[in-house]
Amino acid sequence: MNTTDTADNNLDPRQAARARFNAVTRLTIPVPNATRLHCAAAVDALGDDTAMTHLYLNTRDVEGLIRDALRELGSLPLEDFVTVRVAAAHGRRALRALH
């Protein structure tokens, strides 16, 4: 189940992934610094449009946000392979830093 059931209905996969990764960097709950750093790097790889981040700031499920962002990356077109690969690598590192 997505971390937000209806929040990203109008977002394309890149925007949704970027917003989720960016939300992790801004959450007020305790999140390991390494996780925040890798999520910030994923945001940087995906571009800097983080206007929809507010949709995810109320979650407490950091792992769910990251997993959903990685799932969104999987639906991007092949032309975005390099961007997706870099962002996904940082997303996986962010998950590892949680444990």
PDB file of N, CA and C in Angstrom:
ATOM      1  N   MET A   1       0.841  -1.188   0.000  1.00  0.00           N
ATOM      2  CA  MET A   1       0.000   0.000   0.000  1.00  0.00           C
ATOM      3  C   MET A   1       0.880   1.243   0.000  1.00  0.00           C
ATOM      4  N   ASN A   2       0.508   2.214  -0.757  1.00  0.00           N
ATOM      5  CA  ASN A   2       1.270   3.460  -0.803  1.00  0.00           C
ATOM      6  C   ASN A   2       1.222   4.180   0.532  1.00  0.00           C
ATOM      7  N   THR A   3       2.227   5.002   0.777  1.00  0.00           N
ATOM      8  CA  THR A   3       2.272   5.766   2.015  1.00  0.00           C
ATOM      9  C   THR A   3       1.169   6.806   2.068  1.00  0.00           C
ATOM     10  N   THR A   4       0.672   7.185   0.930  1.00  0.00           N
ATOM     11  CA  THR A   4      -0.509   8.050   0.871  1.00  0.00           C
ATOM     12  C   THR A   4      -1.421   7.474  -0.187  1.00  0.00           C
ATOM     13  N   ASP A   5      -2.645   7.227   0.153  1.00  0.00           N
ATOM     14  CA  ASP A   5      -3.549   6.562  -0.770  1.00  0.00           C
ATOM     15  C   ASP A   5      -3.887   7.408  -1.990  1.00  0.00           C
ATOM     16  N   THR A   6      -4.120   8.687  -1.816  1.00  0.00           N
ATOM     17  CA  THR A   6      -4.577   9.514  -2.937  1.00  0.00           C
ATOM     18  C   THR A   6      -3.703  10.728  -3.193  1.00  0.00           C
ATOM     19  N   ALA A   7      -2.677  10.926  -2.415  1.00  0.00           N
ATOM     20  CA  ALA A   7      -1.891  12.160  -2.515  1.00  0.00           C
ATOM     21  C   ALA A   7      -1.249  12.347  -3.876  1.00  0.00           C
ATOM     22  N   ASP A   8      -0.791  11.269  -4.501  1.00  0.00           N
ATOM     23  CA  ASP A   8      -0.034  11.458  -5.733  1.00  0.00           C
ATOM     24  C   ASP A   8      -0.808  11.076  -6.984  1.00  0.00           C
ATOM     25  N   ASN A   9      -2.114  11.077  -6.939  1.00  0.00           N
ATOM     26  CA  ASN A   9      -2.912  10.735  -8.117  1.00  0.00           C
ATOM     27  C   ASN A   9      -2.595  11.624  -9.311  1.00  0.00           C
ATOM     28  N   ASN A  10      -2.238  12.870  -9.090  1.00  0.00           N
ATOM     29  CA  ASN A  10      -1.991  13.805 -10.179  1.00  0.00           C
ATOM     30  C   ASN A  10      -0.510  14.020 -10.463  1.00  0.00           C
ATOM     31  N   LEU A  11       0.355  13.240  -9.849  1.00  0.00           N
ATOM     32  CA  LEU A  11       1.791  13.404 -10.049  1.00  0.00           C
ATOM     33  C   LEU A  11       2.306  12.350 -11.027  1.00  0.00           C
ATOM     34  N   ASP A  12       3.261  12.759 -11.869  1.00  0.00           N
ATOM     35  CA  ASP A  12       3.903  11.743 -12.690  1.00  0.00           C
ATOM     36  C   ASP A  12       4.893  10.989 -11.798  1.00  0.00           C
ATOM     37  N   PRO A  13       5.378   9.838 -12.213  1.00  0.00           N
ATOM     38  CA  PRO A  13       6.241   9.033 -11.353  1.00  0.00           C
ATOM     39  C   PRO A  13       7.495   9.757 -10.873  1.00  0.00           C
ATOM     40  N   ARG A  14       8.083  10.571 -11.745  1.00  0.00           N
ATOM     41  CA  ARG A  14       9.292  11.307 -11.345  1.00  0.00           C
ATOM     42  C   ARG A  14       8.964  12.295 -10.219  1.00  0.00           C
ATOM     43  N   GLN A  15       7.862  13.032 -10.373  1.00  0.00           N
ATOM     44  CA  GLN A  15       7.468  13.987  -9.333  1.00  0.00           C
ATOM     45  C   GLN A  15       7.149  13.277  -8.022  1.00  0.00           C
ATOM     46  N   ALA A  16       6.441  12.161  -8.101  1.00  0.00           N
ATOM     47  CA  ALA A  16       6.067  11.434  -6.895  1.00  0.00           C
ATOM     48  C   ALA A  16       7.295  10.894  -6.172  1.00  0.00           C
ATOM     49  N   ALA A  17       8.224  10.318  -6.909  1.00  0.00           N
ATOM     50  CA  ALA A  17       9.450   9.798  -6.288  1.00  0.00           C
ATOM     51  C   ALA A  17      10.256  10.932  -5.670  1.00  0.00           C
ATOM     52  N   ARG A  18      10.406  12.005  -6.410  1.00  0.00           N
ATOM     53  CA  ARG A  18      11.167  13.156  -5.931  1.00  0.00           C
ATOM     54  C   ARG A  18      10.531  13.730  -4.667  1.00  0.00           C
ATOM     55  N   ALA A  19       9.224  13.858  -4.661  1.00  0.00           N
ATOM     56  CA  ALA A  19       8.534  14.408  -3.488  1.00  0.00           C
ATOM     57  C   ALA A  19       8.688  13.495  -2.277  1.00  0.00           C
ATOM     58  N   ARG A  20       8.619  12.187  -2.484  1.00  0.00           N
ATOM     59  CA  ARG A  20       8.779  11.248  -1.365  1.00  0.00           C
ATOM     60  C   ARG A  20      10.189  11.302  -0.803  1.00  0.00           C
ATOM     61  N   PHE A  21      11.192  11.246  -1.691  1.00  0.00           N
ATOM     62  CA  PHE A  21      12.576  11.328  -1.213  1.00  0.00           C
ATOM     63  C   PHE A  21      12.806  12.645  -0.470  1.00  0.00           C
ATOM     64  N   ASN A  22      12.287  13.726  -1.015  1.00  0.00           N
ATOM     65  CA  ASN A  22      12.476  15.026  -0.373  1.00  0.00           C
ATOM     66  C   ASN A  22      11.761  15.093   0.972  1.00  0.00           C
ATOM     67  N   ALA A  23      10.608  14.474   1.073  1.00  0.00           N
ATOM     68  CA  ALA A  23       9.889  14.464   2.354  1.00  0.00           C
ATOM     69  C   ALA A  23      10.733  13.799   3.443  1.00  0.00           C
ATOM     70  N   VAL A  24      11.432  12.723   3.094  1.00  0.00           N
ATOM     71  CA  VAL A  24      12.286  12.052   4.079  1.00  0.00           C
ATOM     72  C   VAL A  24      13.339  13.017   4.617  1.00  0.00           C
ATOM     73  N   THR A  25      13.848  13.873   3.755  1.00  0.00           N
ATOM     74  CA  THR A  25      14.882  14.816   4.210  1.00  0.00           C
ATOM     75  C   THR A  25      14.319  15.884   5.139  1.00  0.00           C
ATOM     76  N   ARG A  26      13.004  16.086   5.107  1.00  0.00           N
ATOM     77  CA  ARG A  26      12.378  17.154   5.885  1.00  0.00           C
ATOM     78  C   ARG A  26      11.526  16.690   7.056  1.00  0.00           C
ATOM     79  N   LEU A  27      11.365  15.390   7.238  1.00  0.00           N
ATOM     80  CA  LEU A  27      10.535  14.895   8.332  1.00  0.00           C
ATOM     81  C   LEU A  27      11.082  15.358   9.679  1.00  0.00           C
ATOM     82  N   THR A  28      10.186  15.618  10.610  1.00  0.00           N
ATOM     83  CA  THR A  28      10.612  16.073  11.938  1.00  0.00           C
ATOM     84  C   THR A  28      10.842  14.913  12.898  1.00  0.00           C
ATOM     85  N   ILE A  29      10.495  13.702  12.472  1.00  0.00           N
ATOM     86  CA  ILE A  29      10.760  12.538  13.320  1.00  0.00           C
ATOM     87  C   ILE A  29      12.230  12.134  13.153  1.00  0.00           C
ATOM     88  N   PRO A  30      12.771  11.384  14.096  1.00  0.00           N
ATOM     89  CA  PRO A  30      14.172  10.963  13.974  1.00  0.00           C
ATOM     90  C   PRO A  30      14.384  10.070  12.748  1.00  0.00           C
ATOM     91  N   VAL A  31      15.295  10.482  11.909  1.00  0.00           N
ATOM     92  CA  VAL A  31      15.692   9.732  10.719  1.00  0.00           C
ATOM     93  C   VAL A  31      17.211   9.782  10.681  1.00  0.00           C
ATOM     94  N   PRO A  32      17.882   8.639  10.486  1.00  0.00           N
ATOM     95  CA  PRO A  32      19.352   8.659  10.434  1.00  0.00           C
ATOM     96  C   PRO A  32      19.866   9.660   9.396  1.00  0.00           C
ATOM     97  N   ASN A  33      20.946  10.338   9.756  1.00  0.00           N
ATOM     98  CA  ASN A  33      21.518  11.338   8.849  1.00  0.00           C
ATOM     99  C   ASN A  33      21.891  10.730   7.499  1.00  0.00           C
ATOM    100  N   ALA A  34      22.404   9.499   7.516  1.00  0.00           N
ATOM    101  CA  ALA A  34      22.789   8.862   6.248  1.00  0.00           C
ATOM    102  C   ALA A  34      21.569   8.657   5.356  1.00  0.00           C
ATOM    103  N   THR A  35      20.444   8.319   5.945  1.00  0.00           N
ATOM    104  CA  THR A  35      19.215   8.147   5.177  1.00  0.00           C
ATOM    105  C   THR A  35      18.796   9.470   4.558  1.00  0.00           C
ATOM    106  N   ARG A  36      18.822  10.531   5.361  1.00  0.00           N
ATOM    107  CA  ARG A  36      18.469  11.856   4.832  1.00  0.00           C
ATOM    108  C   ARG A  36      19.412  12.267   3.693  1.00  0.00           C
ATOM    109  N   LEU A  37      20.687  12.012   3.877  1.00  0.00           N
ATOM    110  CA  LEU A  37      21.684  12.393   2.871  1.00  0.00           C
ATOM    111  C   LEU A  37      21.458  11.650   1.558  1.00  0.00           C
ATOM    112  N   HIS A  38      21.209  10.347   1.632  1.00  0.00           N
ATOM    113  CA  HIS A  38      20.970   9.584   0.402  1.00  0.00           C
ATOM    114  C   HIS A  38      19.666   9.999  -0.271  1.00  0.00           C
ATOM    115  N   CYS A  39      18.665  10.323   0.523  1.00  0.00           N
ATOM    116  CA  CYS A  39      17.409  10.805  -0.069  1.00  0.00           C
ATOM    117  C   CYS A  39      17.624  12.162  -0.740  1.00  0.00           C
ATOM    118  N   ALA A  40      18.425  13.008  -0.139  1.00  0.00           N
ATOM    119  CA  ALA A  40      18.735  14.307  -0.752  1.00  0.00           C
ATOM    120  C   ALA A  40      19.477  14.108  -2.072  1.00  0.00           C
ATOM    121  N   ALA A  41      20.390  13.138  -2.108  1.00  0.00           N
ATOM    122  CA  ALA A  41      21.113  12.849  -3.350  1.00  0.00           C
ATOM    123  C   ALA A  41      20.158  12.310  -4.418  1.00  0.00           C
ATOM    124  N   ALA A  42      19.178  11.498  -4.020  1.00  0.00           N
ATOM    125  CA  ALA A  42      18.183  11.000  -4.975  1.00  0.00           C
ATOM    126  C   ALA A  42      17.355  12.152  -5.534  1.00  0.00           C
ATOM    127  N   VAL A  43      16.970  13.089  -4.664  1.00  0.00           N
ATOM    128  CA  VAL A  43      16.230  14.279  -5.119  1.00  0.00           C
ATOM    129  C   VAL A  43      17.067  15.046  -6.131  1.00  0.00           C
ATOM    130  N   ASP A  44      18.337  15.213  -5.835  1.00  0.00           N
ATOM    131  CA  ASP A  44      19.234  15.941  -6.730  1.00  0.00           C
ATOM    132  C   ASP A  44      19.325  15.247  -8.096  1.00  0.00           C
ATOM    133  N   ALA A  45      19.381  13.925  -8.087  1.00  0.00           N
ATOM    134  CA  ALA A  45      19.457  13.179  -9.349  1.00  0.00           C
ATOM    135  C   ALA A  45      18.182  13.328 -10.172  1.00  0.00           C
ATOM    136  N   LEU A  46      17.047  13.461  -9.488  1.00  0.00           N
ATOM    137  CA  LEU A  46      15.758  13.553 -10.176  1.00  0.00           C
ATOM    138  C   LEU A  46      15.378  14.979 -10.566  1.00  0.00           C
ATOM    139  N   GLY A  47      16.134  15.962 -10.139  1.00  0.00           N
ATOM    140  CA  GLY A  47      15.822  17.358 -10.419  1.00  0.00           C
ATOM    141  C   GLY A  47      15.386  18.058  -9.156  1.00  0.00           C
ATOM    142  N   ASP A  48      15.206  19.347  -9.230  1.00  0.00           N
ATOM    143  CA  ASP A  48      14.970  20.101  -8.001  1.00  0.00           C
ATOM    144  C   ASP A  48      13.546  20.613  -7.817  1.00  0.00           C
ATOM    145  N   ASP A  49      12.602  20.112  -8.576  1.00  0.00           N
ATOM    146  CA  ASP A  49      11.214  20.519  -8.399  1.00  0.00           C
ATOM    147  C   ASP A  49      10.603  19.718  -7.253  1.00  0.00           C
ATOM    148  N   THR A  50      10.536  20.312  -6.075  1.00  0.00           N
ATOM    149  CA  THR A  50      10.042  19.605  -4.893  1.00  0.00           C
ATOM    150  C   THR A  50       8.752  20.233  -4.383  1.00  0.00           C
ATOM    151  N   ALA A  51       7.994  20.798  -5.277  1.00  0.00           N
ATOM    152  CA  ALA A  51       6.784  21.520  -4.881  1.00  0.00           C
ATOM    153  C   ALA A  51       5.748  20.644  -4.196  1.00  0.00           C
ATOM    154  N   MET A  52       5.716  19.363  -4.477  1.00  0.00           N
ATOM    155  CA  MET A  52       4.674  18.494  -3.930  1.00  0.00           C
ATOM    156  C   MET A  52       5.114  17.763  -2.658  1.00  0.00           C
ATOM    157  N   THR A  53       6.243  18.090  -2.118  1.00  0.00           N
ATOM    158  CA  THR A  53       6.768  17.427  -0.926  1.00  0.00           C
ATOM    159  C   THR A  53       5.779  17.461   0.235  1.00  0.00           C
ATOM    160  N   HIS A  54       5.041  18.532   0.369  1.00  0.00           N
ATOM    161  CA  HIS A  54       4.102  18.680   1.490  1.00  0.00           C
ATOM    162  C   HIS A  54       3.094  17.545   1.570  1.00  0.00           C
ATOM    163  N   LEU A  55       2.849  16.854   0.461  1.00  0.00           N
ATOM    164  CA  LEU A  55       1.886  15.755   0.455  1.00  0.00           C
ATOM    165  C   LEU A  55       2.313  14.602   1.363  1.00  0.00           C
ATOM    166  N   TYR A  56       3.597  14.512   1.663  1.00  0.00           N
ATOM    167  CA  TYR A  56       4.118  13.358   2.382  1.00  0.00           C
ATOM    168  C   TYR A  56       4.711  13.698   3.746  1.00  0.00           C
ATOM    169  N   LEU A  57       4.631  14.929   4.164  1.00  0.00           N
ATOM    170  CA  LEU A  57       5.286  15.335   5.403  1.00  0.00           C
ATOM    171  C   LEU A  57       4.588  14.842   6.666  1.00  0.00           C
ATOM    172  N   ASN A  58       3.379  14.326   6.563  1.00  0.00           N
ATOM    173  CA  ASN A  58       2.666  13.850   7.741  1.00  0.00           C
ATOM    174  C   ASN A  58       2.890  12.372   8.025  1.00  0.00           C
ATOM    175  N   THR A  59       3.644  11.704   7.210  1.00  0.00           N
ATOM    176  CA  THR A  59       3.860  10.274   7.416  1.00  0.00           C
ATOM    177  C   THR A  59       4.928  10.022   8.474  1.00  0.00           C
ATOM    178  N   ARG A  60       4.831   8.883   9.107  1.00  0.00           N
ATOM    179  CA  ARG A  60       5.854   8.447  10.045  1.00  0.00           C
ATOM    180  C   ARG A  60       6.538   7.189   9.516  1.00  0.00           C
ATOM    181  N   ASP A  61       6.144   6.760   8.321  1.00  0.00           N
ATOM    182  CA  ASP A  61       6.661   5.541   7.713  1.00  0.00           C
ATOM    183  C   ASP A  61       7.769   5.882   6.721  1.00  0.00           C
ATOM    184  N   VAL A  62       8.960   6.103   7.245  1.00  0.00           N
ATOM    185  CA  VAL A  62      10.100   6.495   6.411  1.00  0.00           C
ATOM    186  C   VAL A  62      10.411   5.400   5.399  1.00  0.00           C
ATOM    187  N   GLU A  63      10.451   4.171   5.862  1.00  0.00           N
ATOM    188  CA  GLU A  63      10.755   3.064   4.964  1.00  0.00           C
ATOM    189  C   GLU A  63       9.712   2.965   3.852  1.00  0.00           C
ATOM    190  N   GLY A  64       8.449   3.167   4.189  1.00  0.00           N
ATOM    191  CA  GLY A  64       7.390   3.139   3.180  1.00  0.00           C
ATOM    192  C   GLY A  64       7.548   4.231   2.139  1.00  0.00           C
ATOM    193  N   LEU A  65       7.927   5.420   2.582  1.00  0.00           N
ATOM    194  CA  LEU A  65       8.167   6.521   1.639  1.00  0.00           C
ATOM    195  C   LEU A  65       9.262   6.148   0.645  1.00  0.00           C
ATOM    196  N   ILE A  66      10.351   5.614   1.165  1.00  0.00           N
ATOM    197  CA  ILE A  66      11.478   5.274   0.296  1.00  0.00           C
ATOM    198  C   ILE A  66      11.102   4.135  -0.645  1.00  0.00           C
ATOM    199  N   ARG A  67      10.449   3.102  -0.128  1.00  0.00           N
ATOM    200  CA  ARG A  67      10.042   1.971  -0.981  1.00  0.00           C
ATOM    201  C   ARG A  67       9.069   2.428  -2.073  1.00  0.00           C
ATOM    202  N   ASP A  68       8.134   3.290  -1.725  1.00  0.00           N
ATOM    203  CA  ASP A  68       7.194   3.802  -2.725  1.00  0.00           C
ATOM    204  C   ASP A  68       7.914   4.647  -3.774  1.00  0.00           C
ATOM    205  N   ALA A  69       8.895   5.432  -3.339  1.00  0.00           N
ATOM    206  CA  ALA A  69       9.679   6.232  -4.293  1.00  0.00           C
ATOM    207  C   ALA A  69      10.423   5.313  -5.255  1.00  0.00           C
ATOM    208  N   LEU A  70      11.016   4.247  -4.731  1.00  0.00           N
ATOM    209  CA  LEU A  70      11.720   3.293  -5.601  1.00  0.00           C
ATOM    210  C   LEU A  70      10.751   2.618  -6.570  1.00  0.00           C
ATOM    211  N   ARG A  71       9.566   2.311  -6.111  1.00  0.00           N
ATOM    212  CA  ARG A  71       8.547   1.708  -6.977  1.00  0.00           C
ATOM    213  C   ARG A  71       8.176   2.678  -8.106  1.00  0.00           C
ATOM    214  N   GLU A  72       8.049   3.952  -7.765  1.00  0.00           N
ATOM    215  CA  GLU A  72       7.734   4.967  -8.793  1.00  0.00           C
ATOM    216  C   GLU A  72       8.846   5.040  -9.835  1.00  0.00           C
ATOM    217  N   LEU A  73      10.088   4.928  -9.399  1.00  0.00           N
ATOM    218  CA  LEU A  73      11.209   4.989 -10.335  1.00  0.00           C
ATOM    219  C   LEU A  73      11.128   3.856 -11.352  1.00  0.00           C
ATOM    220  N   GLY A  74      10.606   2.722 -10.924  1.00  0.00           N
ATOM    221  CA  GLY A  74      10.492   1.580 -11.818  1.00  0.00           C
ATOM    222  C   GLY A  74       9.518   1.791 -12.964  1.00  0.00           C
ATOM    223  N   SER A  75       8.667   2.793 -12.861  1.00  0.00           N
ATOM    224  CA  SER A  75       7.704   3.037 -13.933  1.00  0.00           C
ATOM    225  C   SER A  75       8.135   4.160 -14.883  1.00  0.00           C
ATOM    226  N   LEU A  76       9.325   4.691 -14.678  1.00  0.00           N
ATOM    227  CA  LEU A  76       9.817   5.733 -15.587  1.00  0.00           C
ATOM    228  C   LEU A  76      10.296   5.112 -16.897  1.00  0.00           C
ATOM    229  N   PRO A  77      10.242   5.859 -17.993  1.00  0.00           N
ATOM    230  CA  PRO A  77      10.641   5.316 -19.295  1.00  0.00           C
ATOM    231  C   PRO A  77      12.139   5.014 -19.361  1.00  0.00           C
ATOM    232  N   LEU A  78      12.494   4.125 -20.279  1.00  0.00           N
ATOM    233  CA  LEU A  78      13.871   3.697 -20.455  1.00  0.00           C
ATOM    234  C   LEU A  78      14.805   4.872 -20.756  1.00  0.00           C
ATOM    235  N   GLU A  79      14.286   5.924 -21.371  1.00  0.00           N
ATOM    236  CA  GLU A  79      15.126   7.083 -21.694  1.00  0.00           C
ATOM    237  C   GLU A  79      15.713   7.730 -20.435  1.00  0.00           C
ATOM    238  N   ASP A  80      15.062   7.513 -19.302  1.00  0.00           N
ATOM    239  CA  ASP A  80      15.524   8.080 -18.033  1.00  0.00           C
ATOM    240  C   ASP A  80      16.404   7.116 -17.252  1.00  0.00           C
ATOM    241  N   PHE A  81      16.963   6.097 -17.921  1.00  0.00           N
ATOM    242  CA  PHE A  81      17.670   5.032 -17.224  1.00  0.00           C
ATOM    243  C   PHE A  81      18.782   5.546 -16.315  1.00  0.00           C
ATOM    244  N   VAL A  82      19.619   6.446 -16.811  1.00  0.00           N
ATOM    245  CA  VAL A  82      20.747   6.921 -16.003  1.00  0.00           C
ATOM    246  C   VAL A  82      20.251   7.632 -14.751  1.00  0.00           C
ATOM    247  N   THR A  83      19.276   8.495 -14.915  1.00  0.00           N
ATOM    248  CA  THR A  83      18.708   9.216 -13.774  1.00  0.00           C
ATOM    249  C   THR A  83      18.091   8.245 -12.779  1.00  0.00           C
ATOM    250  N   VAL A  84      17.336   7.295 -13.284  1.00  0.00           N
ATOM    251  CA  VAL A  84      16.679   6.314 -12.418  1.00  0.00           C
ATOM    252  C   VAL A  84      17.720   5.482 -11.684  1.00  0.00           C
ATOM    253  N   ARG A  85      18.748   5.073 -12.380  1.00  0.00           N
ATOM    254  CA  ARG A  85      19.790   4.243 -11.763  1.00  0.00           C
ATOM    255  C   ARG A  85      20.461   4.981 -10.604  1.00  0.00           C
ATOM    256  N   VAL A  86      20.812   6.216 -10.808  1.00  0.00           N
ATOM    257  CA  VAL A  86      21.460   7.004  -9.748  1.00  0.00           C
ATOM    258  C   VAL A  86      20.504   7.202  -8.571  1.00  0.00           C
ATOM    259  N   ALA A  87      19.283   7.616  -8.855  1.00  0.00           N
ATOM    260  CA  ALA A  87      18.305   7.847  -7.786  1.00  0.00           C
ATOM    261  C   ALA A  87      17.996   6.553  -7.037  1.00  0.00           C
ATOM    262  N   ALA A  88      17.847   5.448  -7.767  1.00  0.00           N
ATOM    263  CA  ALA A  88      17.544   4.170  -7.128  1.00  0.00           C
ATOM    264  C   ALA A  88      18.698   3.698  -6.253  1.00  0.00           C
ATOM    265  N   ALA A  89      19.916   3.915  -6.695  1.00  0.00           N
ATOM    266  CA  ALA A  89      21.074   3.527  -5.879  1.00  0.00           C
ATOM    267  C   ALA A  89      21.067   4.289  -4.554  1.00  0.00           C
ATOM    268  N   HIS A  90      20.786   5.557  -4.605  1.00  0.00           N
ATOM    269  CA  HIS A  90      20.714   6.344  -3.366  1.00  0.00           C
ATOM    270  C   HIS A  90      19.522   5.908  -2.519  1.00  0.00           C
ATOM    271  N   GLY A  91      18.411   5.578  -3.148  1.00  0.00           N
ATOM    272  CA  GLY A  91      17.255   5.098  -2.405  1.00  0.00           C
ATOM    273  C   GLY A  91      17.550   3.797  -1.673  1.00  0.00           C
ATOM    274  N   ARG A  92      18.232   2.882  -2.339  1.00  0.00           N
ATOM    275  CA  ARG A  92      18.594   1.613  -1.682  1.00  0.00           C
ATOM    276  C   ARG A  92      19.553   1.860  -0.529  1.00  0.00           C
ATOM    277  N   ARG A  93      20.499   2.769  -0.710  1.00  0.00           N
ATOM    278  CA  ARG A  93      21.422   3.101   0.388  1.00  0.00           C
ATOM    279  C   ARG A  93      20.675   3.734   1.557  1.00  0.00           C
ATOM    280  N   ALA A  94      19.677   4.547   1.241  1.00  0.00           N
ATOM    281  CA  ALA A  94      18.872   5.175   2.310  1.00  0.00           C
ATOM    282  C   ALA A  94      18.147   4.100   3.120  1.00  0.00           C
ATOM    283  N   LEU A  95      17.606   3.094   2.453  1.00  0.00           N
ATOM    284  CA  LEU A  95      16.946   1.987   3.158  1.00  0.00           C
ATOM    285  C   LEU A  95      17.922   1.227   4.040  1.00  0.00           C
ATOM    286  N   ARG A  96      19.104   0.959   3.509  1.00  0.00           N
ATOM    287  CA  ARG A  96      20.113   0.241   4.310  1.00  0.00           C
ATOM    288  C   ARG A  96      20.517   1.032   5.537  1.00  0.00           C
ATOM    289  N   ALA A  97      20.572   2.348   5.408  1.00  0.00           N
ATOM    290  CA  ALA A  97      20.967   3.198   6.539  1.00  0.00           C
ATOM    291  C   ALA A  97      19.919   3.195   7.656  1.00  0.00           C
ATOM    292  N   LEU A  98      18.685   2.811   7.329  1.00  0.00           N
ATOM    293  CA  LEU A  98      17.635   2.739   8.348  1.00  0.00           C
ATOM    294  C   LEU A  98      17.831   1.558   9.282  1.00  0.00           C
ATOM    295  N   HIS A  99      18.526   0.540   8.822  1.00  0.00           N
ATOM    296  CA  HIS A  99      18.642  -0.698   9.618  1.00  0.00           C
ATOM    297  C   HIS A  99      20.015  -0.917  10.150  1.00  0.00           C
TER     298      HIS A  99
END
